Amino acid sequence: MYLTVYNEFSNKDLLTKIEQDLGLRVDVAEKPNALATSDAEKDIVATTAKLMIQTPYAEVKGLTKPSVEDAASVDALLQKLAGFGFSVTHRNPVTSAGCPMVDRVLLKYSATA
């Protein structure tokens, strides 16, 4: 599992702490999000994260299918991330075509949590 955030994430020091304390890889987008132009959109970009619960093919040699972590492991990690100010907004969101994305959990960061 790993956490992904936009380049504009509001608390970069927190990301370092998560990597150190939880041993969780954090991927930060290389470039700023060019599509967020309004203040509301910029706020979303600064406070949104995704917990990717699927191991990509590229990371596991010889794997023919991505592996998805079991629900108990995901729940345990989400509980730990809650202690850092993250809350779940969508667990296994769906695509615009209605297909569930079982490989991710969308999170919102709140500095006051």
C-alpha atoms as a PDB file:
ATOM      1  CA  MET A   1       0.000   0.000   0.000  1.00  0.00           C
ATOM      2  CA  TYR A   2       1.064   3.574  -0.508  1.00  0.00           C
ATOM      3  CA  LEU A   3      -0.308   7.098  -0.190  1.00  0.00           C
ATOM      4  CA  THR A   4      -0.496   9.524  -3.117  1.00  0.00           C
ATOM      5  CA  VAL A   5      -0.988  13.283  -2.898  1.00  0.00           C
ATOM      6  CA  TYR A   6      -0.967  16.266  -5.203  1.00  0.00           C
ATOM      7  CA  ASN A   7       2.132  18.447  -5.416  1.00  0.00           C
ATOM      8  CA  GLU A   8       0.223  21.195  -3.594  1.00  0.00           C
ATOM      9  CA  PHE A   9      -0.562  19.073  -0.517  1.00  0.00           C
ATOM     10  CA  SER A  10      -0.844  21.438   2.431  1.00  0.00           C
ATOM     11  CA  ASN A  11       1.404  19.684   4.949  1.00  0.00           C
ATOM     12  CA  LYS A  12       4.582  18.228   3.423  1.00  0.00           C
ATOM     13  CA  ASP A  13       6.155  17.725   6.877  1.00  0.00           C
ATOM     14  CA  LEU A  14       3.278  15.417   7.770  1.00  0.00           C
ATOM     15  CA  LEU A  15       4.056  13.243   4.752  1.00  0.00           C
ATOM     16  CA  THR A  16       7.613  12.753   5.973  1.00  0.00           C
ATOM     17  CA  LYS A  17       6.291  11.833   9.427  1.00  0.00           C
ATOM     18  CA  ILE A  18       3.890   9.279   7.914  1.00  0.00           C
ATOM     19  CA  GLU A  19       6.745   7.687   5.972  1.00  0.00           C
ATOM     20  CA  GLN A  20       8.891   7.505   9.103  1.00  0.00           C
ATOM     21  CA  ASP A  21       6.254   6.480  11.651  1.00  0.00           C
ATOM     22  CA  LEU A  22       4.173   4.104   9.541  1.00  0.00           C
ATOM     23  CA  GLY A  23       6.746   2.944   7.006  1.00  0.00           C
ATOM     24  CA  LEU A  24       4.226   3.862   4.328  1.00  0.00           C
ATOM     25  CA  ARG A  25       5.530   5.052   0.966  1.00  0.00           C
ATOM     26  CA  VAL A  26       4.201   8.473  -0.010  1.00  0.00           C
ATOM     27  CA  ASP A  27       4.147   9.523  -3.654  1.00  0.00           C
ATOM     28  CA  VAL A  28       3.902  13.259  -4.300  1.00  0.00           C
ATOM     29  CA  ALA A  29       2.958  14.396  -7.808  1.00  0.00           C
ATOM     30  CA  GLU A  30       5.949  15.894  -9.583  1.00  0.00           C
ATOM     31  CA  LYS A  31       4.084  18.857 -11.080  1.00  0.00           C
ATOM     32  CA  PRO A  32       1.378  21.159  -9.745  1.00  0.00           C
ATOM     33  CA  ASN A  33      -2.203  20.417 -10.787  1.00  0.00           C
ATOM     34  CA  ALA A  34      -2.938  22.754 -13.688  1.00  0.00           C
ATOM     35  CA  LEU A  35      -6.677  22.032 -13.688  1.00  0.00           C
ATOM     36  CA  ALA A  36      -7.395  23.437 -10.220  1.00  0.00           C
ATOM     37  CA  THR A  37      -8.030  27.131 -10.775  1.00  0.00           C
ATOM     38  CA  SER A  38     -10.723  28.265  -8.313  1.00  0.00           C
ATOM     39  CA  ASP A  39     -10.078  28.615  -4.587  1.00  0.00           C
ATOM     40  CA  ALA A  40     -12.425  25.698  -3.884  1.00  0.00           C
ATOM     41  CA  GLU A  41     -10.556  23.460  -6.347  1.00  0.00           C
ATOM     42  CA  LYS A  42      -7.196  24.503  -4.922  1.00  0.00           C
ATOM     43  CA  ASP A  43      -8.432  23.641  -1.424  1.00  0.00           C
ATOM     44  CA  ILE A  44      -9.462  20.176  -2.602  1.00  0.00           C
ATOM     45  CA  VAL A  45      -6.065  19.596  -4.200  1.00  0.00           C
ATOM     46  CA  ALA A  46      -4.284  20.743  -1.017  1.00  0.00           C
ATOM     47  CA  THR A  47      -6.234  18.400   1.256  1.00  0.00           C
ATOM     48  CA  THR A  48      -6.888  15.269  -0.805  1.00  0.00           C
ATOM     49  CA  ALA A  49      -4.955  12.009  -0.709  1.00  0.00           C
ATOM     50  CA  LYS A  50      -5.445   8.493  -2.061  1.00  0.00           C
ATOM     51  CA  LEU A  51      -4.503   5.336  -0.274  1.00  0.00           C
ATOM     52  CA  MET A  52      -3.603   2.901  -3.021  1.00  0.00           C
ATOM     53  CA  ILE A  53      -4.221  -0.576  -1.687  1.00  0.00           C
ATOM     54  CA  GLN A  54      -3.112  -2.478  -4.748  1.00  0.00           C
ATOM     55  CA  THR A  55       0.493  -3.390  -5.462  1.00  0.00           C
ATOM     56  CA  PRO A  56       1.295  -2.328  -9.038  1.00  0.00           C
ATOM     57  CA  TYR A  57       2.527  -4.974 -11.477  1.00  0.00           C
ATOM     58  CA  ALA A  58       5.826  -3.166 -11.912  1.00  0.00           C
ATOM     59  CA  GLU A  59       6.745  -3.610  -8.259  1.00  0.00           C
ATOM     60  CA  VAL A  60       6.457  -7.376  -8.083  1.00  0.00           C
ATOM     61  CA  LYS A  61       8.469  -9.536 -10.448  1.00  0.00           C
ATOM     62  CA  GLY A  62       6.608 -12.479 -11.872  1.00  0.00           C
ATOM     63  CA  LEU A  63       3.218 -11.258 -10.681  1.00  0.00           C
ATOM     64  CA  THR A  64       0.512 -11.793 -13.265  1.00  0.00           C
ATOM     65  CA  LYS A  65      -2.210  -9.956 -11.332  1.00  0.00           C
ATOM     66  CA  PRO A  66      -1.965  -7.013  -8.972  1.00  0.00           C
ATOM     67  CA  SER A  67      -2.370  -8.035  -5.349  1.00  0.00           C
ATOM     68  CA  VAL A  68      -4.970  -6.286  -3.226  1.00  0.00           C
ATOM     69  CA  GLU A  69      -4.434  -6.015   0.514  1.00  0.00           C
ATOM     70  CA  ASP A  70      -6.997  -7.672   2.747  1.00  0.00           C
ATOM     71  CA  ALA A  71      -9.707  -5.506   4.305  1.00  0.00           C
ATOM     72  CA  ALA A  72      -8.352  -5.915   7.852  1.00  0.00           C
ATOM     73  CA  SER A  73      -4.937  -4.543   6.844  1.00  0.00           C
ATOM     74  CA  VAL A  74      -6.569  -1.610   5.057  1.00  0.00           C
ATOM     75  CA  ASP A  75      -8.811  -0.884   8.060  1.00  0.00           C
ATOM     76  CA  ALA A  76      -5.827  -0.949  10.421  1.00  0.00           C
ATOM     77  CA  LEU A  77      -3.876   1.495   8.251  1.00  0.00           C
ATOM     78  CA  LEU A  78      -6.876   3.802   7.835  1.00  0.00           C
ATOM     79  CA  GLN A  79      -7.187   3.893  11.618  1.00  0.00           C
ATOM     80  CA  LYS A  80      -3.532   4.930  11.898  1.00  0.00           C
ATOM     81  CA  LEU A  81      -3.949   7.579   9.187  1.00  0.00           C
ATOM     82  CA  ALA A  82      -6.930   8.983  11.106  1.00  0.00           C
ATOM     83  CA  GLY A  83      -4.473   9.804  13.876  1.00  0.00           C
ATOM     84  CA  PHE A  84      -2.620  12.009  11.393  1.00  0.00           C
ATOM     85  CA  GLY A  85      -5.775  13.942  10.463  1.00  0.00           C
ATOM     86  CA  PHE A  86      -7.091  11.905   7.523  1.00  0.00           C
ATOM     87  CA  SER A  87     -10.696  10.803   7.123  1.00  0.00           C
ATOM     88  CA  VAL A  88     -12.220   8.548   4.489  1.00  0.00           C
ATOM     89  CA  THR A  89     -14.350  10.329   1.900  1.00  0.00           C
ATOM     90  CA  HIS A  90     -14.858   7.397  -0.511  1.00  0.00           C
ATOM     91  CA  ARG A  91     -13.830   3.811   0.036  1.00  0.00           C
ATOM     92  CA  ASN A  92     -13.616   2.013  -3.297  1.00  0.00           C
ATOM     93  CA  PRO A  93     -14.992   4.907  -5.371  1.00  0.00           C
ATOM     94  CA  VAL A  94     -16.582   4.211  -8.749  1.00  0.00           C
ATOM     95  CA  THR A  95     -15.600   5.372 -12.215  1.00  0.00           C
ATOM     96  CA  SER A  96     -17.904   7.546 -14.308  1.00  0.00           C
ATOM     97  CA  ALA A  97     -19.111   4.284 -15.871  1.00  0.00           C
ATOM     98  CA  GLY A  98     -20.037   2.921 -12.434  1.00  0.00           C
ATOM     99  CA  CYS A  99     -17.196   0.406 -12.093  1.00  0.00           C
ATOM    100  CA  PRO A 100     -15.830   0.123  -8.544  1.00  0.00           C
ATOM    101  CA  MET A 101     -12.164   0.967  -8.048  1.00  0.00           C
ATOM    102  CA  VAL A 102     -11.283  -1.586  -5.384  1.00  0.00           C
ATOM    103  CA  ASP A 103      -7.644  -0.522  -5.399  1.00  0.00           C
ATOM    104  CA  ARG A 104      -8.070   2.844  -3.667  1.00  0.00           C
ATOM    105  CA  VAL A 105      -9.538   4.821  -0.810  1.00  0.00           C
ATOM    106  CA  LEU A 106      -9.988   8.585  -1.135  1.00  0.00           C
ATOM    107  CA  LEU A 107      -9.004  10.589   1.921  1.00  0.00           C
ATOM    108  CA  LYS A 108      -9.375  14.163   3.132  1.00  0.00           C
ATOM    109  CA  TYR A 109      -6.809  15.806   5.374  1.00  0.00           C
ATOM    110  CA  SER A 110      -7.874  18.185   8.120  1.00  0.00           C
ATOM    111  CA  ALA A 111      -5.189  19.978  10.114  1.00  0.00           C
ATOM    112  CA  THR A 112      -7.571  20.242  13.069  1.00  0.00           C
ATOM    113  CA  ALA A 113      -8.094  16.474  13.467  1.00  0.00           C
END
